[in-house]
Amino acid sequence: MPSRSKPAPSPLPPLPSELFLLILEYIQERKELLNCSFVCRSWHEPCLRVVARTFAIRERHLVARRMPLPPHLRRYVRCIKLLVVLSPLPSDDIDVFLSFIRDLPHPNEFFAAFIPLTVVLSTIRAQSTITHLDLYRCSGSLMDLFRMLEASAETLSSLKLAWFSPSDPHLSKDVKTISMLALRELTVSQCSLDSMRPDWIDFPNLKVLDFSDWSGHIVFRDCLPPSLNTLAVKARPEEYVPAKPCRPLSTENFCIRWEGQGTSLKPVEEAINNMAIPSQIKHLEILLFDAANLPTKHPLLTEFESIILRFHQTGSLKKLTITQDDISKQPEKPESIASKFPQLRDLGLLDVRIGRPSVLHPPCSFRLKH
C-alpha cells in the first residue's frame, strides 16, 4: 500500500505578524474580519485583535446597561470612542461607562464627543493607560480642562482639542503651573482660550504642534519649547494675522493647509513669515483641499515659486511637498502640478503627492464615524 505523501513545505517564509496585521487593517467590514478569524488557528487572534481594537460606545449602549462586546474580546481594545450627542448624561449611564472602562486591561486612546470634561477626567482616573486623547465639542469650564490636564500630565503623549468654549473662562488664583512632561503632539482647533495665561501650562517636550486655525496660537506660543520638530497651520484668503506681536516658532518641518480658490498664495507666505522662522524651515508642505486651490494665473505661480526659491537660497529649505489627500475632488495628475513650478522641479526640490496622506500634518481624528 503506497504511503501517503506529506504536503510540500511552503516555498515562502511565514509572513511577519506586523505585516499581517497591517494587511488586516485594510479590511473595512467587521463581518469579513470575523470570517477571516475562522480560516485557521494562526489567523484567529490577529483578526480578533483588529476587530476589537476600536470600540465605539453610544447612548443606546448606556441605556441598555450593556456593552455589545463579548468579554473575551475586551483584552484587544486599544481605542475607546464615547459618542454621546444627547446631554446631559445621567449619572447611572456614566457609572455604566466607567465600570466598562475599568474592566479593559490596556486601552491607550480615548475619543470623546459632546460629553462633559468631568466625564473625561473620571475616565483618565479610571484608566491610567490612556496616552492619546481626542476631545470634540466637549463641555465644561476652564477649571475642568485644567483638572483633566493635571490628571494626565505624566502619561498623555497626544492631545487633540476641537471646538471647546469654556462655560466659565476663569481659574482660581492659586492655580499652579501644569507641566505636560509626556506630551509630544498637540492639536488645537476652533477653541476659545483667550483667558489662558502662558504661565499656567508648560509643554517642555512637545514635538508636533497643529494650530488648525489661528485661534489660540497666541495663548500657547509663550508656553512652548524653543524648538519644535513639526508645525502645522491652516491658511485661508480671508485669514488674518493677529495684531498682537508674538514669538515666531523655530521648526524644521512646516505644513500649511491651504483652502484658497485659485487666488494669490500671499496668505501662505504670511503664515510662513508670521508663524515660523523661514530660514530654519527644511521641509515645507502645502496641503491642498483640491487642486483648484492653486492659482491658475501664471504670474501668481511664478511669484510663489520665486518665494520658495528664495527660502532655499537664503535658508535651510531642502524640500517642498504639495499634497492633495482627498482624491474625490477630481485631482490633477502629479506631473500637471509639477509643471507649474518648473524651477523647483528641475532642482529636485519638489515632491507632489496625490491621493496619499500628508507627510507632516497629523491625521485628523475629529470624525464621528465607526
Protein backbone atom coordinates (compact mmCIF):
# COMPACT_ATOMS: atom_id res chain seq x y z
CA MET A 1 0.00 0.00 0.00
CA PRO A 2 1.64 3.25 -1.06
CA SER A 3 2.44 5.67 1.79
CA ARG A 4 0.60 8.96 1.93
CA SER A 5 2.93 11.77 0.90
CA LYS A 6 3.38 14.76 3.19
CA PRO A 7 2.43 18.19 1.83
CA ALA A 8 5.38 20.06 0.48
CA PRO A 9 6.55 22.93 2.67
CA SER A 10 5.66 26.42 1.51
CA PRO A 11 8.44 27.99 -0.59
CA LEU A 12 7.69 31.32 1.10
CA PRO A 13 8.71 32.18 4.67
CA PRO A 14 5.92 32.92 7.19
CA LEU A 15 4.52 36.42 6.90
CA PRO A 16 5.73 38.66 9.76
CA SER A 17 2.91 39.30 12.24
CA GLU A 18 3.32 43.07 11.95
CA LEU A 19 2.83 42.93 8.18
CA PHE A 20 -0.14 40.57 8.51
CA LEU A 21 -1.84 42.97 10.96
CA LEU A 22 -1.19 45.84 8.57
CA ILE A 23 -2.92 43.93 5.76
CA LEU A 24 -5.90 43.19 8.02
CA GLU A 25 -6.30 46.93 8.74
CA TYR A 26 -7.40 47.36 5.09
CA ILE A 27 -10.43 45.09 5.62
CA GLN A 28 -13.22 47.52 6.44
CA GLU A 29 -16.14 45.18 7.11
CA ARG A 30 -16.30 43.73 10.61
CA LYS A 31 -18.13 40.65 9.31
CA GLU A 32 -15.31 39.90 6.85
CA LEU A 33 -12.73 40.13 9.61
CA LEU A 34 -14.74 37.74 11.76
CA ASN A 35 -14.93 35.30 8.85
CA CYS A 36 -11.15 35.56 8.42
CA SER A 37 -10.69 34.68 12.09
CA PHE A 38 -12.09 31.18 11.38
CA VAL A 39 -9.75 30.40 8.47
CA CYS A 40 -7.12 28.80 10.67
CA ARG A 41 -5.72 28.93 14.17
CA SER A 42 -2.86 31.28 13.26
CA TRP A 43 -5.34 33.82 11.79
CA HIS A 44 -7.75 33.73 14.72
CA GLU A 45 -6.11 36.04 17.26
CA PRO A 46 -4.73 38.64 14.78
CA CYS A 47 -8.20 39.06 13.22
CA LEU A 48 -9.88 39.44 16.61
CA ARG A 49 -7.24 41.98 17.59
CA VAL A 50 -8.18 44.16 14.61
CA VAL A 51 -11.93 43.62 15.08
CA ALA A 52 -11.88 44.77 18.69
CA ARG A 53 -9.12 47.37 18.54
CA THR A 54 -11.59 50.28 18.31
CA PHE A 55 -14.85 50.16 20.24
CA ALA A 56 -17.49 52.90 19.93
CA ILE A 57 -19.97 53.47 22.75
CA ARG A 58 -23.24 55.29 22.05
CA GLU A 59 -26.32 56.30 24.05
CA ARG A 60 -28.19 53.09 23.24
CA HIS A 61 -25.42 51.01 24.84
CA LEU A 62 -25.58 53.04 28.05
CA VAL A 63 -29.38 52.98 28.17
CA ALA A 64 -29.42 49.20 27.66
CA ARG A 65 -26.87 48.87 30.51
CA ARG A 66 -24.73 46.52 28.45
CA MET A 67 -21.83 46.77 26.02
CA PRO A 68 -22.08 44.76 22.77
CA LEU A 69 -18.56 43.41 23.19
CA PRO A 70 -18.01 39.86 24.46
CA PRO A 71 -15.68 39.63 27.49
CA HIS A 72 -13.10 37.56 25.59
CA LEU A 73 -12.59 40.45 23.11
CA ARG A 74 -12.10 43.19 25.68
CA ARG A 75 -8.40 42.48 26.11
CA TYR A 76 -7.86 43.60 22.50
CA VAL A 77 -9.49 47.04 22.90
CA ARG A 78 -6.97 49.86 22.48
CA CYS A 79 -9.18 52.77 21.33
CA ILE A 80 -12.44 53.80 23.02
CA LYS A 81 -14.88 56.20 21.38
CA LEU A 82 -17.62 57.72 23.50
CA LEU A 83 -20.09 59.37 21.13
CA VAL A 84 -22.96 60.93 23.03
CA VAL A 85 -24.98 63.62 21.25
CA LEU A 86 -27.77 63.91 23.82
CA SER A 87 -27.00 65.70 27.06
CA PRO A 88 -26.78 65.77 29.97
CA LEU A 89 -25.62 62.23 30.68
CA PRO A 90 -27.49 60.61 33.58
CA SER A 91 -25.19 59.62 36.44
CA ASP A 92 -26.27 55.98 36.07
CA ASP A 93 -25.12 55.98 32.44
CA ILE A 94 -21.76 57.44 33.47
CA ASP A 95 -21.36 54.69 36.08
CA VAL A 96 -22.07 52.01 33.43
CA PHE A 97 -19.42 53.51 31.15
CA LEU A 98 -16.76 53.85 33.87
CA SER A 99 -17.39 50.30 35.04
CA PHE A 100 -16.79 49.08 31.49
CA ILE A 101 -13.62 51.20 31.20
CA ARG A 102 -12.14 49.75 34.39
CA ASP A 103 -12.55 46.22 33.01
CA LEU A 104 -10.41 46.94 29.95
CA PRO A 105 -6.78 45.91 30.51
CA HIS A 106 -4.87 48.08 28.02
CA PRO A 107 -6.79 50.96 26.37
CA ASN A 108 -4.48 53.79 25.27
CA GLU A 109 -6.69 56.03 23.08
CA PHE A 110 -9.86 57.83 24.12
CA PHE A 111 -12.06 59.80 21.71
CA ALA A 112 -14.90 61.77 23.30
CA ALA A 113 -17.57 63.86 21.56
CA PHE A 114 -20.30 66.01 23.12
CA ILE A 115 -19.64 64.96 26.71
CA PRO A 116 -18.67 66.92 29.86
CA LEU A 117 -14.97 67.22 30.67
CA THR A 118 -15.77 65.87 34.13
CA VAL A 119 -16.53 62.51 32.46
CA VAL A 120 -13.20 62.69 30.60
CA LEU A 121 -11.46 63.34 33.93
CA SER A 122 -13.18 60.33 35.52
CA THR A 123 -12.12 58.20 32.54
CA ILE A 124 -8.47 59.22 32.90
CA ARG A 125 -8.58 58.45 36.62
CA ALA A 126 -10.20 55.07 35.92
CA GLN A 127 -7.64 54.13 33.25
CA SER A 128 -4.09 55.40 33.68
CA THR A 129 -3.02 53.62 30.46
CA ILE A 130 -4.62 56.30 28.23
CA THR A 131 -1.92 58.19 26.33
CA HIS A 132 -3.90 59.63 23.38
CA LEU A 133 -6.87 61.93 23.97
CA ASP A 134 -9.18 63.43 21.30
CA LEU A 135 -11.90 65.79 22.50
CA TYR A 136 -14.56 67.16 20.14
CA ARG A 137 -17.17 69.70 21.29
CA CYS A 138 -16.83 68.68 24.91
CA SER A 139 -18.33 70.95 27.56
CA GLY A 140 -17.08 72.36 30.83
CA SER A 141 -15.25 75.21 32.47
CA LEU A 142 -11.62 76.19 32.06
CA MET A 143 -11.05 74.74 35.51
CA ASP A 144 -12.45 71.40 34.30
CA LEU A 145 -9.94 71.47 31.45
CA PHE A 146 -7.06 72.18 33.82
CA ARG A 147 -8.08 69.40 36.20
CA MET A 148 -8.14 66.99 33.27
CA LEU A 149 -4.69 68.12 32.05
CA GLU A 150 -3.28 67.90 35.55
CA ALA A 151 -4.52 64.32 35.94
CA SER A 152 -2.91 63.26 32.65
CA ALA A 153 0.27 65.38 32.75
CA GLU A 154 2.65 62.45 33.25
CA THR A 155 1.04 59.99 30.82
CA LEU A 156 -0.63 61.89 27.95
CA SER A 157 1.51 61.93 24.79
CA SER A 158 -1.09 63.21 22.27
CA LEU A 159 -3.90 65.73 22.80
CA LYS A 160 -6.41 66.97 20.21
CA LEU A 161 -8.86 69.64 21.36
CA ALA A 162 -11.54 70.91 18.96
CA TRP A 163 -14.46 73.33 19.33
CA PHE A 164 -14.09 73.92 23.05
CA SER A 165 -15.56 77.08 24.60
CA PRO A 166 -15.37 77.05 28.39
CA SER A 167 -18.61 77.78 30.23
CA ASP A 168 -16.53 79.66 32.81
CA PRO A 169 -13.23 81.07 31.43
CA HIS A 170 -11.73 81.84 34.85
CA LEU A 171 -9.38 79.92 37.11
CA SER A 172 -8.80 80.19 40.82
CA LYS A 173 -5.98 82.49 41.83
CA ASP A 174 -3.93 79.72 43.46
CA VAL A 175 -3.66 77.63 40.29
CA LYS A 176 -0.23 76.05 39.84
CA THR A 177 1.60 75.60 36.55
CA ILE A 178 0.91 72.27 34.88
CA SER A 179 3.91 70.71 33.19
CA MET A 180 2.81 68.27 30.47
CA LEU A 181 6.01 66.24 30.54
CA ALA A 182 4.80 63.35 28.37
CA LEU A 183 3.04 65.42 25.68
CA ARG A 184 4.58 65.05 22.20
CA GLU A 185 1.67 66.06 19.90
CA LEU A 186 -0.83 68.89 20.40
CA THR A 187 -3.71 69.91 18.11
CA VAL A 188 -5.91 72.93 18.89
CA SER A 189 -8.80 73.84 16.59
CA GLN A 190 -11.61 76.39 16.99
CA CYS A 191 -11.16 76.82 20.74
CA SER A 192 -11.88 79.92 22.84
CA LEU A 193 -8.94 80.04 25.21
CA ASP A 194 -8.20 83.76 25.27
CA SER A 195 -8.32 83.93 29.06
CA MET A 196 -5.46 81.47 29.46
CA ARG A 197 -2.07 82.71 30.60
CA PRO A 198 1.22 81.25 29.32
CA ASP A 199 2.48 80.59 32.87
CA TRP A 200 -0.44 78.25 33.58
CA ILE A 201 0.78 75.40 31.39
CA ASP A 202 4.09 74.11 30.03
CA PHE A 203 4.95 71.68 27.19
CA PRO A 204 8.70 71.05 27.60
CA ASN A 205 8.91 68.01 25.29
CA LEU A 206 6.41 68.90 22.56
CA LYS A 207 7.44 67.77 19.04
CA VAL A 208 4.35 68.25 16.82
CA LEU A 209 2.04 71.27 17.07
CA ASP A 210 -1.08 71.74 14.92
CA PHE A 211 -2.91 75.06 15.02
CA SER A 212 -5.60 74.10 12.55
CA ASP A 213 -6.69 77.73 12.76
CA TRP A 214 -5.07 80.91 14.00
CA SER A 215 -7.33 80.72 17.07
CA GLY A 216 -5.43 80.16 20.28
CA HIS A 217 -1.95 80.41 18.79
CA ILE A 218 -1.03 83.48 20.83
CA VAL A 219 -2.14 81.76 24.03
CA PHE A 220 0.13 78.77 23.51
CA ARG A 221 3.17 80.36 21.88
CA ASP A 222 4.87 81.50 25.06
CA CYS A 223 4.45 78.16 26.84
CA LEU A 224 6.04 76.09 24.06
CA PRO A 225 9.61 74.80 23.96
CA PRO A 226 12.12 76.89 21.93
CA SER A 227 12.29 74.28 19.18
CA LEU A 228 9.61 72.08 17.64
CA ASN A 229 10.06 69.34 15.08
CA THR A 230 6.81 69.98 13.16
CA LEU A 231 4.36 72.88 12.99
CA ALA A 232 1.04 72.65 11.10
CA VAL A 233 -1.34 75.58 10.48
CA LYS A 234 -4.25 76.47 8.21
CA ALA A 235 -4.25 79.48 5.88
CA ARG A 236 -7.23 80.93 4.03
CA PRO A 237 -7.58 84.01 1.81
CA GLU A 238 -9.70 85.74 4.46
CA GLU A 239 -7.45 84.71 7.34
CA TYR A 240 -5.99 87.48 9.38
CA VAL A 241 -2.68 87.73 11.18
CA PRO A 242 -3.33 88.87 14.78
CA ALA A 243 -2.03 92.33 15.56
CA LYS A 244 -0.66 91.26 18.94
CA PRO A 245 3.07 90.56 18.49
CA CYS A 246 4.22 87.09 19.46
CA ARG A 247 7.34 84.98 19.12
CA PRO A 248 7.65 83.01 15.85
CA LEU A 249 8.30 79.32 16.34
CA SER A 250 11.50 77.58 15.36
CA THR A 251 10.75 74.38 13.47
CA GLU A 252 12.33 72.34 10.69
CA ASN A 253 9.05 70.99 9.29
CA PHE A 254 6.19 73.34 8.43
CA CYS A 255 2.83 72.22 6.99
CA ILE A 256 0.19 74.65 5.70
CA ARG A 257 -3.31 73.51 4.82
CA TRP A 258 -4.35 75.89 2.05
CA GLU A 259 -8.04 76.45 1.24
CA GLY A 260 -7.83 79.34 -1.21
CA GLN A 261 -9.59 79.06 -4.56
CA GLY A 262 -7.27 79.94 -7.43
CA THR A 263 -6.21 83.16 -5.73
CA SER A 264 -2.88 84.58 -4.64
CA LEU A 265 -0.75 82.45 -2.36
CA LYS A 266 0.15 85.54 -0.33
CA PRO A 267 -1.51 84.18 2.88
CA VAL A 268 0.77 81.14 2.62
CA GLU A 269 3.81 83.43 2.59
CA GLU A 270 2.37 85.40 5.52
CA ALA A 271 1.82 82.21 7.51
CA ILE A 272 5.45 81.23 6.94
CA ASN A 273 6.76 84.67 7.96
CA ASN A 274 4.47 85.15 10.97
CA MET A 275 4.22 81.68 12.45
CA ALA A 276 7.73 80.33 11.86
CA ILE A 277 11.33 81.39 11.28
CA PRO A 278 11.66 80.94 7.48
CA SER A 279 15.44 80.49 7.46
CA GLN A 280 15.15 77.41 9.71
CA ILE A 281 12.50 75.53 7.71
CA LYS A 282 13.93 72.45 5.96
CA HIS A 283 10.71 70.84 4.74
CA LEU A 284 7.62 72.81 3.68
CA GLU A 285 4.37 71.04 2.80
CA ILE A 286 1.34 72.67 1.16
CA LEU A 287 -1.71 70.52 1.85
CA LEU A 288 -4.45 71.23 -0.70
CA PHE A 289 -8.18 70.75 -0.26
CA ASP A 290 -8.26 70.18 -4.01
CA ALA A 291 -6.09 71.11 -7.00
CA ALA A 292 -8.28 74.17 -7.69
CA ASN A 293 -6.68 75.73 -4.59
CA LEU A 294 -3.61 76.54 -6.67
CA PRO A 295 -3.63 79.81 -8.61
CA THR A 296 -4.43 79.45 -12.29
CA LYS A 297 -2.67 82.64 -13.41
CA HIS A 298 0.95 82.18 -14.41
CA PRO A 299 2.30 85.35 -12.67
CA LEU A 300 0.92 84.16 -9.31
CA LEU A 301 2.58 80.78 -9.70
CA THR A 302 5.87 82.39 -10.73
CA GLU A 303 5.72 84.72 -7.73
CA PHE A 304 5.19 81.82 -5.31
CA GLU A 305 7.96 79.78 -6.92
CA SER A 306 10.33 82.74 -6.51
CA ILE A 307 9.45 82.94 -2.81
CA ILE A 308 10.23 79.25 -2.29
CA LEU A 309 13.49 79.57 -4.23
CA ARG A 310 14.48 82.50 -2.03
CA PHE A 311 13.83 80.40 1.09
CA HIS A 312 16.01 77.68 -0.43
CA GLN A 313 18.86 80.00 -1.39
CA THR A 314 18.97 82.06 1.81
CA GLY A 315 17.87 79.48 4.36
CA SER A 316 17.70 75.76 5.05
CA LEU A 317 14.80 74.72 2.80
CA LYS A 318 15.54 71.41 1.12
CA LYS A 319 12.10 70.20 0.03
CA LEU A 320 8.65 71.44 -0.96
CA THR A 321 5.84 68.87 -0.86
CA ILE A 322 2.45 69.58 -2.43
CA THR A 323 -0.17 67.10 -1.20
CA GLN A 324 -3.79 66.53 -2.15
CA ASP A 325 -5.01 63.75 0.10
CA ASP A 326 -8.68 63.75 -0.93
CA ILE A 327 -8.94 62.20 -4.40
CA SER A 328 -12.73 62.73 -4.54
CA LYS A 329 -12.08 66.31 -5.72
CA GLN A 330 -11.03 65.30 -9.25
CA PRO A 331 -7.31 65.70 -8.63
CA GLU A 332 -4.80 66.75 -11.23
CA LYS A 333 -2.01 64.40 -12.20
CA PRO A 334 1.25 64.89 -10.27
CA GLU A 335 3.13 65.88 -13.43
CA SER A 336 0.50 68.53 -14.20
CA ILE A 337 1.02 70.20 -10.82
CA ALA A 338 4.79 69.81 -11.04
CA SER A 339 4.81 71.58 -14.41
CA LYS A 340 3.50 74.74 -12.72
CA PHE A 341 6.78 75.00 -10.78
CA PRO A 342 9.48 74.14 -13.36
CA GLN A 343 12.46 75.55 -11.46
CA LEU A 344 11.62 73.73 -8.25
CA ARG A 345 11.02 70.54 -10.23
CA ASP A 346 14.32 70.77 -12.10
CA LEU A 347 16.25 71.42 -8.88
CA GLY A 348 14.75 68.29 -7.30
CA LEU A 349 13.10 70.28 -4.53
CA LEU A 350 9.50 69.41 -5.44
CA ASP A 351 7.50 66.35 -4.43
CA VAL A 352 3.82 66.06 -5.50
CA ARG A 353 1.58 63.59 -3.68
CA ILE A 354 -1.94 62.88 -5.00
CA GLY A 355 -4.37 60.65 -3.13
CA ARG A 356 -1.81 59.99 -0.41
CA PRO A 357 -1.77 61.19 3.22
CA SER A 358 0.14 64.24 4.33
CA VAL A 359 3.78 63.79 5.22
CA LEU A 360 3.76 66.34 8.04
CA HIS A 361 0.14 67.06 9.02
CA PRO A 362 -1.20 64.98 11.94
CA PRO A 363 -4.06 62.74 10.81
CA CYS A 364 -7.49 64.20 11.54
CA SER A 365 -9.44 62.23 14.13
CA PHE A 366 -12.31 64.67 14.71
CA ARG A 367 -14.86 62.49 12.97
CA LEU A 368 -17.88 60.64 14.24
CA LYS A 369 -17.85 57.53 12.06
CA HIS A 370 -17.24 53.96 13.32
